[in-house]
Amino acid sequence: MTDLVAAVIGLTDRVEAAIEAGDWVEAQELEAERRRLLEQLAVANEPSALKETFTALEARNFRLIGLVEHQKRRVLREAAVARVAREGVAAYTAVGDGSGSATSIA
């Protein structure tokens, strides 16, 4: 394995760790560097010599995309829960200060 391949794999690991940690800025910066190295790797080598490496990296890319989608859904769920909680607090506050319409049971 060449030093360039090792660097790409190392950056792929770091991108994955940043995504899992929710550090989107770090993931984006690492991905930009990883892409730069991938371009160098593609230009510097015979494509058939790296077929296995690129196939493995493609599989990792799909895994990373899935991980990003999973994290995105998690964040959206958390945002929805926070929104519902804020709405509940607002409704409770409105009833408590008399500005809301509460039904009294006698």
PDB file of N, CA and C in Angstrom:
ATOM      1  N   MET A   1       0.859  -1.182   0.000  1.00  0.00           N
ATOM      2  CA  MET A   1       0.000   0.000   0.000  1.00  0.00           C
ATOM      3  C   MET A   1       0.899   1.238   0.000  1.00  0.00           C
ATOM      4  N   THR A   2       0.582   2.166  -0.880  1.00  0.00           N
ATOM      5  CA  THR A   2       1.383   3.382  -0.967  1.00  0.00           C
ATOM      6  C   THR A   2       1.040   4.319   0.183  1.00  0.00           C
ATOM      7  N   ASP A   3       1.924   5.270   0.398  1.00  0.00           N
ATOM      8  CA  ASP A   3       1.683   6.268   1.445  1.00  0.00           C
ATOM      9  C   ASP A   3       0.417   7.065   1.162  1.00  0.00           C
ATOM     10  N   LEU A   4       0.157   7.329  -0.114  1.00  0.00           N
ATOM     11  CA  LEU A   4      -1.025   8.097  -0.504  1.00  0.00           C
ATOM     12  C   LEU A   4      -2.309   7.314  -0.198  1.00  0.00           C
ATOM     13  N   VAL A   5      -2.296   6.027  -0.478  1.00  0.00           N
ATOM     14  CA  VAL A   5      -3.459   5.183  -0.159  1.00  0.00           C
ATOM     15  C   VAL A   5      -3.670   5.162   1.350  1.00  0.00           C
ATOM     16  N   ALA A   6      -2.602   5.000   2.097  1.00  0.00           N
ATOM     17  CA  ALA A   6      -2.705   4.990   3.565  1.00  0.00           C
ATOM     18  C   ALA A   6      -3.255   6.319   4.083  1.00  0.00           C
ATOM     19  N   ALA A   7      -2.833   7.416   3.480  1.00  0.00           N
ATOM     20  CA  ALA A   7      -3.324   8.736   3.897  1.00  0.00           C
ATOM     21  C   ALA A   7      -4.816   8.881   3.607  1.00  0.00           C
ATOM     22  N   VAL A   8      -5.249   8.384   2.451  1.00  0.00           N
ATOM     23  CA  VAL A   8      -6.677   8.453   2.094  1.00  0.00           C
ATOM     24  C   VAL A   8      -7.500   7.620   3.072  1.00  0.00           C
ATOM     25  N   ILE A   9      -7.025   6.424   3.378  1.00  0.00           N
ATOM     26  CA  ILE A   9      -7.755   5.557   4.318  1.00  0.00           C
ATOM     27  C   ILE A   9      -7.783   6.195   5.709  1.00  0.00           C
ATOM     28  N   GLY A  10      -6.675   6.772   6.121  1.00  0.00           N
ATOM     29  CA  GLY A  10      -6.637   7.463   7.419  1.00  0.00           C
ATOM     30  C   GLY A  10      -7.615   8.626   7.467  1.00  0.00           C
ATOM     31  N   LEU A  11      -7.666   9.402   6.385  1.00  0.00           N
ATOM     32  CA  LEU A  11      -8.615  10.521   6.333  1.00  0.00           C
ATOM     33  C   LEU A  11     -10.057  10.023   6.310  1.00  0.00           C
ATOM     34  N   THR A  12     -10.284   8.904   5.641  1.00  0.00           N
ATOM     35  CA  THR A  12     -11.629   8.324   5.616  1.00  0.00           C
ATOM     36  C   THR A  12     -12.055   7.949   7.032  1.00  0.00           C
ATOM     37  N   ASP A  13     -11.145   7.358   7.786  1.00  0.00           N
ATOM     38  CA  ASP A  13     -11.432   7.016   9.189  1.00  0.00           C
ATOM     39  C   ASP A  13     -11.750   8.273  10.001  1.00  0.00           C
ATOM     40  N   ARG A  14     -10.989   9.319   9.776  1.00  0.00           N
ATOM     41  CA  ARG A  14     -11.199  10.571  10.521  1.00  0.00           C
ATOM     42  C   ARG A  14     -12.504  11.256  10.130  1.00  0.00           C
ATOM     43  N   VAL A  15     -12.863  11.196   8.839  1.00  0.00           N
ATOM     44  CA  VAL A  15     -14.151  11.747   8.391  1.00  0.00           C
ATOM     45  C   VAL A  15     -15.276  11.002   9.092  1.00  0.00           C
ATOM     46  N   GLU A  16     -15.181   9.692   9.121  1.00  0.00           N
ATOM     47  CA  GLU A  16     -16.210   8.872   9.768  1.00  0.00           C
ATOM     48  C   GLU A  16     -16.333   9.221  11.255  1.00  0.00           C
ATOM     49  N   ALA A  17     -15.212   9.368  11.936  1.00  0.00           N
ATOM     50  CA  ALA A  17     -15.237   9.713  13.359  1.00  0.00           C
ATOM     51  C   ALA A  17     -15.860  11.089  13.580  1.00  0.00           C
ATOM     52  N   ALA A  18     -15.545  12.032  12.710  1.00  0.00           N
ATOM     53  CA  ALA A  18     -16.116  13.380  12.841  1.00  0.00           C
ATOM     54  C   ALA A  18     -17.630  13.356  12.627  1.00  0.00           C
ATOM     55  N   ILE A  19     -18.085  12.562  11.656  1.00  0.00           N
ATOM     56  CA  ILE A  19     -19.525  12.437  11.409  1.00  0.00           C
ATOM     57  C   ILE A  19     -20.205  11.825  12.622  1.00  0.00           C
ATOM     58  N   GLU A  20     -19.628  10.746  13.143  1.00  0.00           N
ATOM     59  CA  GLU A  20     -20.213  10.086  14.307  1.00  0.00           C
ATOM     60  C   GLU A  20     -20.270  11.015  15.517  1.00  0.00           C
ATOM     61  N   ALA A  21     -19.303  11.930  15.614  1.00  0.00           N
ATOM     62  CA  ALA A  21     -19.274  12.885  16.728  1.00  0.00           C
ATOM     63  C   ALA A  21     -20.171  14.099  16.463  1.00  0.00           C
ATOM     64  N   GLY A  22     -20.704  14.192  15.250  1.00  0.00           N
ATOM     65  CA  GLY A  22     -21.544  15.344  14.911  1.00  0.00           C
ATOM     66  C   GLY A  22     -20.745  16.602  14.634  1.00  0.00           C
ATOM     67  N   ASP A  23     -19.452  16.451  14.385  1.00  0.00           N
ATOM     68  CA  ASP A  23     -18.582  17.604  14.094  1.00  0.00           C
ATOM     69  C   ASP A  23     -18.558  17.818  12.582  1.00  0.00           C
ATOM     70  N   TRP A  24     -19.588  18.501  12.084  1.00  0.00           N
ATOM     71  CA  TRP A  24     -19.781  18.652  10.645  1.00  0.00           C
ATOM     72  C   TRP A  24     -18.711  19.515  10.000  1.00  0.00           C
ATOM     73  N   VAL A  25     -18.225  20.515  10.705  1.00  0.00           N
ATOM     74  CA  VAL A  25     -17.166  21.382  10.148  1.00  0.00           C
ATOM     75  C   VAL A  25     -15.897  20.569   9.947  1.00  0.00           C
ATOM     76  N   GLU A  26     -15.525  19.807  10.961  1.00  0.00           N
ATOM     77  CA  GLU A  26     -14.328  18.966  10.860  1.00  0.00           C
ATOM     78  C   GLU A  26     -14.495  17.932   9.745  1.00  0.00           C
ATOM     79  N   ALA A  27     -15.663  17.310   9.671  1.00  0.00           N
ATOM     80  CA  ALA A  27     -15.910  16.305   8.629  1.00  0.00           C
ATOM     81  C   ALA A  27     -15.771  16.923   7.244  1.00  0.00           C
ATOM     82  N   GLN A  28     -16.300  18.122   7.079  1.00  0.00           N
ATOM     83  CA  GLN A  28     -16.223  18.789   5.773  1.00  0.00           C
ATOM     84  C   GLN A  28     -14.781  19.134   5.410  1.00  0.00           C
ATOM     85  N   GLU A  29     -14.023  19.626   6.372  1.00  0.00           N
ATOM     86  CA  GLU A  29     -12.620  19.966   6.102  1.00  0.00           C
ATOM     87  C   GLU A  29     -11.805  18.719   5.762  1.00  0.00           C
ATOM     88  N   LEU A  30     -12.018  17.654   6.526  1.00  0.00           N
ATOM     89  CA  LEU A  30     -11.298  16.404   6.260  1.00  0.00           C
ATOM     90  C   LEU A  30     -11.690  15.815   4.905  1.00  0.00           C
ATOM     91  N   GLU A  31     -12.971  15.915   4.571  1.00  0.00           N
ATOM     92  CA  GLU A  31     -13.434  15.382   3.283  1.00  0.00           C
ATOM     93  C   GLU A  31     -12.811  16.142   2.117  1.00  0.00           C
ATOM     94  N   ALA A  32     -12.654  17.449   2.263  1.00  0.00           N
ATOM     95  CA  ALA A  32     -12.014  18.237   1.203  1.00  0.00           C
ATOM     96  C   ALA A  32     -10.572  17.767   0.994  1.00  0.00           C
ATOM     97  N   GLU A  33      -9.866  17.523   2.078  1.00  0.00           N
ATOM     98  CA  GLU A  33      -8.485  17.036   1.985  1.00  0.00           C
ATOM     99  C   GLU A  33      -8.462  15.622   1.391  1.00  0.00           C
ATOM    100  N   ARG A  34      -9.392  14.804   1.805  1.00  0.00           N
ATOM    101  CA  ARG A  34      -9.473  13.430   1.301  1.00  0.00           C
ATOM    102  C   ARG A  34      -9.715  13.417  -0.212  1.00  0.00           C
ATOM    103  N   ARG A  35     -10.604  14.277  -0.668  1.00  0.00           N
ATOM    104  CA  ARG A  35     -10.873  14.360  -2.111  1.00  0.00           C
ATOM    105  C   ARG A  35      -9.640  14.794  -2.887  1.00  0.00           C
ATOM    106  N   ARG A  36      -8.905  15.744  -2.318  1.00  0.00           N
ATOM    107  CA  ARG A  36      -7.689  16.216  -2.968  1.00  0.00           C
ATOM    108  C   ARG A  36      -6.692  15.066  -3.135  1.00  0.00           C
ATOM    109  N   LEU A  37      -6.542  14.276  -2.069  1.00  0.00           N
ATOM    110  CA  LEU A  37      -5.623  13.138  -2.135  1.00  0.00           C
ATOM    111  C   LEU A  37      -6.132  12.058  -3.090  1.00  0.00           C
ATOM    112  N   LEU A  38      -7.437  11.835  -3.123  1.00  0.00           N
ATOM    113  CA  LEU A  38      -7.999  10.862  -4.065  1.00  0.00           C
ATOM    114  C   LEU A  38      -7.715  11.261  -5.514  1.00  0.00           C
ATOM    115  N   GLU A  39      -7.832  12.555  -5.789  1.00  0.00           N
ATOM    116  CA  GLU A  39      -7.530  13.036  -7.143  1.00  0.00           C
ATOM    117  C   GLU A  39      -6.064  12.802  -7.476  1.00  0.00           C
ATOM    118  N   GLN A  40      -5.185  13.069  -6.525  1.00  0.00           N
ATOM    119  CA  GLN A  40      -3.750  12.813  -6.746  1.00  0.00           C
ATOM    120  C   GLN A  40      -3.500  11.333  -6.990  1.00  0.00           C
ATOM    121  N   LEU A  41      -4.162  10.509  -6.205  1.00  0.00           N
ATOM    122  CA  LEU A  41      -3.996   9.060  -6.324  1.00  0.00           C
ATOM    123  C   LEU A  41      -4.457   8.573  -7.696  1.00  0.00           C
ATOM    124  N   ALA A  42      -5.570   9.086  -8.163  1.00  0.00           N
ATOM    125  CA  ALA A  42      -6.115   8.675  -9.453  1.00  0.00           C
ATOM    126  C   ALA A  42      -5.201   9.086 -10.604  1.00  0.00           C
ATOM    127  N   VAL A  43      -4.614  10.253 -10.504  1.00  0.00           N
ATOM    128  CA  VAL A  43      -3.744  10.756 -11.577  1.00  0.00           C
ATOM    129  C   VAL A  43      -2.388  10.057 -11.568  1.00  0.00           C
ATOM    130  N   ALA A  44      -1.902   9.726 -10.389  1.00  0.00           N
ATOM    131  CA  ALA A  44      -0.538   9.210 -10.260  1.00  0.00           C
ATOM    132  C   ALA A  44      -0.419   7.711 -10.525  1.00  0.00           C
ATOM    133  N   ASN A  45      -1.523   7.014 -10.654  1.00  0.00           N
ATOM    134  CA  ASN A  45      -1.452   5.556 -10.779  1.00  0.00           C
ATOM    135  C   ASN A  45      -2.277   5.052 -11.956  1.00  0.00           C
ATOM    136  N   GLU A  46      -1.925   3.875 -12.375  1.00  0.00           N
ATOM    137  CA  GLU A  46      -2.709   3.178 -13.399  1.00  0.00           C
ATOM    138  C   GLU A  46      -4.034   2.763 -12.742  1.00  0.00           C
ATOM    139  N   PRO A  47      -5.167   3.143 -13.346  1.00  0.00           N
ATOM    140  CA  PRO A  47      -6.466   2.855 -12.723  1.00  0.00           C
ATOM    141  C   PRO A  47      -6.680   1.386 -12.361  1.00  0.00           C
ATOM    142  N   SER A  48      -6.247   0.473 -13.216  1.00  0.00           N
ATOM    143  CA  SER A  48      -6.458  -0.951 -12.931  1.00  0.00           C
ATOM    144  C   SER A  48      -5.674  -1.408 -11.705  1.00  0.00           C
ATOM    145  N   ALA A  49      -4.557  -0.741 -11.418  1.00  0.00           N
ATOM    146  CA  ALA A  49      -3.741  -1.106 -10.261  1.00  0.00           C
ATOM    147  C   ALA A  49      -4.443  -0.776  -8.951  1.00  0.00           C
ATOM    148  N   LEU A  50      -5.366   0.171  -8.991  1.00  0.00           N
ATOM    149  CA  LEU A  50      -6.042   0.608  -7.773  1.00  0.00           C
ATOM    150  C   LEU A  50      -7.517   0.205  -7.725  1.00  0.00           C
ATOM    151  N   LYS A  51      -7.908  -0.690  -8.616  1.00  0.00           N
ATOM    152  CA  LYS A  51      -9.327  -1.059  -8.682  1.00  0.00           C
ATOM    153  C   LYS A  51      -9.840  -1.564  -7.334  1.00  0.00           C
ATOM    154  N   GLU A  52      -9.109  -2.447  -6.707  1.00  0.00           N
ATOM    155  CA  GLU A  52      -9.527  -2.992  -5.409  1.00  0.00           C
ATOM    156  C   GLU A  52      -9.614  -1.902  -4.345  1.00  0.00           C
ATOM    157  N   THR A  53      -8.644  -1.001  -4.347  1.00  0.00           N
ATOM    158  CA  THR A  53      -8.634   0.101  -3.382  1.00  0.00           C
ATOM    159  C   THR A  53      -9.832   1.013  -3.594  1.00  0.00           C
ATOM    160  N   PHE A  54     -10.077   1.372  -4.856  1.00  0.00           N
ATOM    161  CA  PHE A  54     -11.207   2.264  -5.141  1.00  0.00           C
ATOM    162  C   PHE A  54     -12.548   1.584  -4.864  1.00  0.00           C
ATOM    163  N   THR A  55     -12.629   0.277  -5.071  1.00  0.00           N
ATOM    164  CA  THR A  55     -13.858  -0.458  -4.762  1.00  0.00           C
ATOM    165  C   THR A  55     -14.118  -0.426  -3.256  1.00  0.00           C
ATOM    166  N   ALA A  56     -13.070  -0.640  -2.476  1.00  0.00           N
ATOM    167  CA  ALA A  56     -13.212  -0.591  -1.010  1.00  0.00           C
ATOM    168  C   ALA A  56     -13.577   0.817  -0.543  1.00  0.00           C
ATOM    169  N   LEU A  57     -12.955   1.824  -1.146  1.00  0.00           N
ATOM    170  CA  LEU A  57     -13.263   3.206  -0.772  1.00  0.00           C
ATOM    171  C   LEU A  57     -14.687   3.587  -1.175  1.00  0.00           C
ATOM    172  N   GLU A  58     -15.147   3.064  -2.297  1.00  0.00           N
ATOM    173  CA  GLU A  58     -16.520   3.327  -2.719  1.00  0.00           C
ATOM    174  C   GLU A  58     -17.507   2.770  -1.693  1.00  0.00           C
ATOM    175  N   ALA A  59     -17.228   1.568  -1.204  1.00  0.00           N
ATOM    176  CA  ALA A  59     -18.087   0.968  -0.173  1.00  0.00           C
ATOM    177  C   ALA A  59     -18.078   1.815   1.093  1.00  0.00           C
ATOM    178  N   ARG A  60     -16.905   2.319   1.458  1.00  0.00           N
ATOM    179  CA  ARG A  60     -16.811   3.196   2.635  1.00  0.00           C
ATOM    180  C   ARG A  60     -17.586   4.490   2.398  1.00  0.00           C
ATOM    181  N   ASN A  61     -17.514   5.025   1.171  1.00  0.00           N
ATOM    182  CA  ASN A  61     -18.260   6.245   0.853  1.00  0.00           C
ATOM    183  C   ASN A  61     -19.754   6.034   1.061  1.00  0.00           C
ATOM    184  N   PHE A  62     -20.270   4.895   0.583  1.00  0.00           N
ATOM    185  CA  PHE A  62     -21.692   4.610   0.761  1.00  0.00           C
ATOM    186  C   PHE A  62     -22.035   4.491   2.244  1.00  0.00           C
ATOM    187  N   ARG A  63     -21.141   3.900   3.025  1.00  0.00           N
ATOM    188  CA  ARG A  63     -21.365   3.796   4.467  1.00  0.00           C
ATOM    189  C   ARG A  63     -21.386   5.187   5.093  1.00  0.00           C
ATOM    190  N   LEU A  64     -20.469   6.049   4.681  1.00  0.00           N
ATOM    191  CA  LEU A  64     -20.430   7.419   5.211  1.00  0.00           C
ATOM    192  C   LEU A  64     -21.698   8.184   4.853  1.00  0.00           C
ATOM    193  N   ILE A  65     -22.171   8.008   3.636  1.00  0.00           N
ATOM    194  CA  ILE A  65     -23.406   8.675   3.218  1.00  0.00           C
ATOM    195  C   ILE A  65     -24.569   8.191   4.084  1.00  0.00           C
ATOM    196  N   GLY A  66     -24.633   6.888   4.327  1.00  0.00           N
ATOM    197  CA  GLY A  66     -25.669   6.342   5.195  1.00  0.00           C
ATOM    198  C   GLY A  66     -25.575   6.883   6.603  1.00  0.00           C
ATOM    199  N   LEU A  67     -24.363   7.015   7.106  1.00  0.00           N
ATOM    200  CA  LEU A  67     -24.146   7.559   8.448  1.00  0.00           C
ATOM    201  C   LEU A  67     -24.599   9.010   8.525  1.00  0.00           C
ATOM    202  N   VAL A  68     -24.297   9.790   7.498  1.00  0.00           N
ATOM    203  CA  VAL A  68     -24.740  11.192   7.460  1.00  0.00           C
ATOM    204  C   VAL A  68     -26.259  11.252   7.441  1.00  0.00           C
ATOM    205  N   GLU A  69     -26.893  10.418   6.643  1.00  0.00           N
ATOM    206  CA  GLU A  69     -28.362  10.398   6.583  1.00  0.00           C
ATOM    207  C   GLU A  69     -28.955  10.012   7.935  1.00  0.00           C
ATOM    208  N   HIS A  70     -28.348   9.048   8.605  1.00  0.00           N
ATOM    209  CA  HIS A  70     -28.812   8.644   9.935  1.00  0.00           C
ATOM    210  C   HIS A  70     -28.696   9.807  10.919  1.00  0.00           C
ATOM    211  N   GLN A  71     -27.555  10.485  10.911  1.00  0.00           N
ATOM    212  CA  GLN A  71     -27.351  11.626  11.816  1.00  0.00           C
ATOM    213  C   GLN A  71     -28.336  12.747  11.492  1.00  0.00           C
ATOM    214  N   LYS A  72     -28.597  12.958  10.220  1.00  0.00           N
ATOM    215  CA  LYS A  72     -29.549  13.992   9.804  1.00  0.00           C
ATOM    216  C   LYS A  72     -30.940  13.684  10.353  1.00  0.00           C
ATOM    217  N   ARG A  73     -31.368  12.429  10.223  1.00  0.00           N
ATOM    218  CA  ARG A  73     -32.682  12.049  10.757  1.00  0.00           C
ATOM    219  C   ARG A  73     -32.737  12.226  12.268  1.00  0.00           C
ATOM    220  N   ARG A  74     -31.640  11.888  12.957  1.00  0.00           N
ATOM    221  CA  ARG A  74     -31.581  12.053  14.418  1.00  0.00           C
ATOM    222  C   ARG A  74     -31.742  13.516  14.806  1.00  0.00           C
ATOM    223  N   VAL A  75     -31.023  14.390  14.117  1.00  0.00           N
ATOM    224  CA  VAL A  75     -31.099  15.826  14.409  1.00  0.00           C
ATOM    225  C   VAL A  75     -32.508  16.352  14.133  1.00  0.00           C
ATOM    226  N   LEU A  76     -33.115  15.913  13.041  1.00  0.00           N
ATOM    227  CA  LEU A  76     -34.474  16.349  12.726  1.00  0.00           C
ATOM    228  C   LEU A  76     -35.478  15.868  13.776  1.00  0.00           C
ATOM    229  N   ARG A  77     -35.297  14.628  14.265  1.00  0.00           N
ATOM    230  CA  ARG A  77     -36.175  14.121  15.338  1.00  0.00           C
ATOM    231  C   ARG A  77     -36.011  14.955  16.597  1.00  0.00           C
ATOM    232  N   GLU A  78     -34.760  15.246  16.964  1.00  0.00           N
ATOM    233  CA  GLU A  78     -34.507  16.048  18.157  1.00  0.00           C
ATOM    234  C   GLU A  78     -35.092  17.448  18.010  1.00  0.00           C
ATOM    235  N   ALA A  79     -35.002  18.022  16.826  1.00  0.00           N
ATOM    236  CA  ALA A  79     -35.575  19.350  16.586  1.00  0.00           C
ATOM    237  C   ALA A  79     -37.097  19.304  16.708  1.00  0.00           C
ATOM    238  N   ALA A  80     -37.715  18.232  16.223  1.00  0.00           N
ATOM    239  CA  ALA A  80     -39.171  18.100  16.318  1.00  0.00           C
ATOM    240  C   ALA A  80     -39.604  17.970  17.771  1.00  0.00           C
ATOM    241  N   VAL A  81     -38.865  17.204  18.557  1.00  0.00           N
ATOM    242  CA  VAL A  81     -39.180  17.057  19.986  1.00  0.00           C
ATOM    243  C   VAL A  81     -39.040  18.404  20.688  1.00  0.00           C
ATOM    244  N   ALA A  82     -37.993  19.146  20.374  1.00  0.00           N
ATOM    245  CA  ALA A  82     -37.797  20.466  20.985  1.00  0.00           C
ATOM    246  C   ALA A  82     -38.923  21.420  20.600  1.00  0.00           C
ATOM    247  N   ARG A  83     -39.355  21.363  19.346  1.00  0.00           N
ATOM    248  CA  ARG A  83     -40.446  22.230  18.889  1.00  0.00           C
ATOM    249  C   ARG A  83     -41.728  21.915  19.638  1.00  0.00           C
ATOM    250  N   VAL A  84     -42.050  20.636  19.778  1.00  0.00           N
ATOM    251  CA  VAL A  84     -43.261  20.229  20.494  1.00  0.00           C
ATOM    252  C   VAL A  84     -43.172  20.666  21.959  1.00  0.00           C
ATOM    253  N   ALA A  85     -42.009  20.526  22.550  1.00  0.00           N
ATOM    254  CA  ALA A  85     -41.836  20.946  23.948  1.00  0.00           C
ATOM    255  C   ALA A  85     -42.045  22.447  24.088  1.00  0.00           C
ATOM    256  N   ARG A  86     -41.491  23.237  23.164  1.00  0.00           N
ATOM    257  CA  ARG A  86     -41.687  24.697  23.216  1.00  0.00           C
ATOM    258  C   ARG A  86     -43.155  25.054  23.064  1.00  0.00           C
ATOM    259  N   GLU A  87     -43.826  24.361  22.150  1.00  0.00           N
ATOM    260  CA  GLU A  87     -45.256  24.622  21.955  1.00  0.00           C
ATOM    261  C   GLU A  87     -46.040  24.263  23.211  1.00  0.00           C
ATOM    262  N   GLY A  88     -45.679  23.175  23.866  1.00  0.00           N
ATOM    263  CA  GLY A  88     -46.341  22.778  25.108  1.00  0.00           C
ATOM    264  C   GLY A  88     -46.143  23.797  26.209  1.00  0.00           C
ATOM    265  N   VAL A  89     -44.927  24.299  26.338  1.00  0.00           N
ATOM    266  CA  VAL A  89     -44.639  25.327  27.343  1.00  0.00           C
ATOM    267  C   VAL A  89     -45.423  26.589  27.041  1.00  0.00           C
ATOM    268  N   ALA A  90     -45.475  26.974  25.776  1.00  0.00           N
ATOM    269  CA  ALA A  90     -46.222  28.179  25.396  1.00  0.00           C
ATOM    270  C   ALA A  90     -47.705  28.016  25.716  1.00  0.00           C
ATOM    271  N   ALA A  91     -48.269  26.845  25.432  1.00  0.00           N
ATOM    272  CA  ALA A  91     -49.688  26.612  25.731  1.00  0.00           C
ATOM    273  C   ALA A  91     -49.932  26.621  27.231  1.00  0.00           C
ATOM    274  N   TYR A  92     -49.050  26.002  27.994  1.00  0.00           N
ATOM    275  CA  TYR A  92     -49.181  25.960  29.447  1.00  0.00           C
ATOM    276  C   TYR A  92     -49.090  27.365  30.024  1.00  0.00           C
ATOM    277  N   THR A  93     -48.160  28.148  29.512  1.00  0.00           N
ATOM    278  CA  THR A  93     -47.986  29.522  29.974  1.00  0.00           C
ATOM    279  C   THR A  93     -49.209  30.363  29.646  1.00  0.00           C
ATOM    280  N   ALA A  94     -49.751  30.178  28.447  1.00  0.00           N
ATOM    281  CA  ALA A  94     -50.933  30.939  28.038  1.00  0.00           C
ATOM    282  C   ALA A  94     -52.122  30.620  28.939  1.00  0.00           C
ATOM    283  N   VAL A  95     -52.308  29.359  29.291  1.00  0.00           N
ATOM    284  CA  VAL A  95     -53.412  28.978  30.181  1.00  0.00           C
ATOM    285  C   VAL A  95     -53.147  29.512  31.585  1.00  0.00           C
ATOM    286  N   GLY A  96     -51.942  29.447  32.041  1.00  0.00           N
ATOM    287  CA  GLY A  96     -51.574  29.890  33.383  1.00  0.00           C
ATOM    288  C   GLY A  96     -51.723  31.368  33.608  1.00  0.00           C
ATOM    289  N   ASP A  97     -51.504  32.184  32.575  1.00  0.00           N
ATOM    290  CA  ASP A  97     -51.613  33.638  32.757  1.00  0.00           C
ATOM    291  C   ASP A  97     -52.973  34.168  32.337  1.00  0.00           C
ATOM    292  N   GLY A  98     -53.884  33.270  31.981  1.00  0.00           N
ATOM    293  CA  GLY A  98     -55.233  33.694  31.671  1.00  0.00           C
ATOM    294  C   GLY A  98     -55.423  34.154  30.240  1.00  0.00           C
ATOM    295  N   SER A  99     -54.405  34.143  29.428  1.00  0.00           N
ATOM    296  CA  SER A  99     -54.575  34.608  28.057  1.00  0.00           C
ATOM    297  C   SER A  99     -55.046  33.513  27.119  1.00  0.00           C
ATOM    298  N   GLY A 100     -55.044  32.298  27.598  1.00  0.00           N
ATOM    299  CA  GLY A 100     -55.493  31.196  26.770  1.00  0.00           C
ATOM    300  C   GLY A 100     -56.942  30.870  27.066  1.00  0.00           C
ATOM    301  N   SER A 101     -57.504  30.014  26.293  1.00  0.00           N
ATOM    302  CA  SER A 101     -58.887  29.624  26.546  1.00  0.00           C
ATOM    303  C   SER A 101     -58.887  28.271  27.222  1.00  0.00           C
ATOM    304  N   ALA A 102     -59.223  28.267  28.469  1.00  0.00           N
ATOM    305  CA  ALA A 102     -59.277  27.026  29.233  1.00  0.00           C
ATOM    306  C   ALA A 102     -60.723  26.694  29.521  1.00  0.00           C
ATOM    307  N   THR A 103     -61.024  25.440  29.479  1.00  0.00           N
ATOM    308  CA  THR A 103     -62.376  24.991  29.773  1.00  0.00           C
ATOM    309  C   THR A 103     -62.410  24.573  31.229  1.00  0.00           C
ATOM    310  N   SER A 104     -63.339  25.142  31.976  1.00  0.00           N
ATOM    311  CA  SER A 104     -63.425  24.754  33.373  1.00  0.00           C
ATOM    312  C   SER A 104     -64.492  23.693  33.528  1.00  0.00           C
ATOM    313  N   ILE A 105     -64.192  22.772  34.377  1.00  0.00           N
ATOM    314  CA  ILE A 105     -65.152  21.705  34.654  1.00  0.00           C
ATOM    315  C   ILE A 105     -65.705  21.958  36.039  1.00  0.00           C
ATOM    316  N   ALA A 106     -67.021  22.085  36.116  1.00  0.00           N
ATOM    317  CA  ALA A 106     -67.627  22.385  37.414  1.00  0.00           C
ATOM    318  C   ALA A 106     -68.292  21.188  37.998  1.00  0.00           C
TER     319      ALA A 106
END
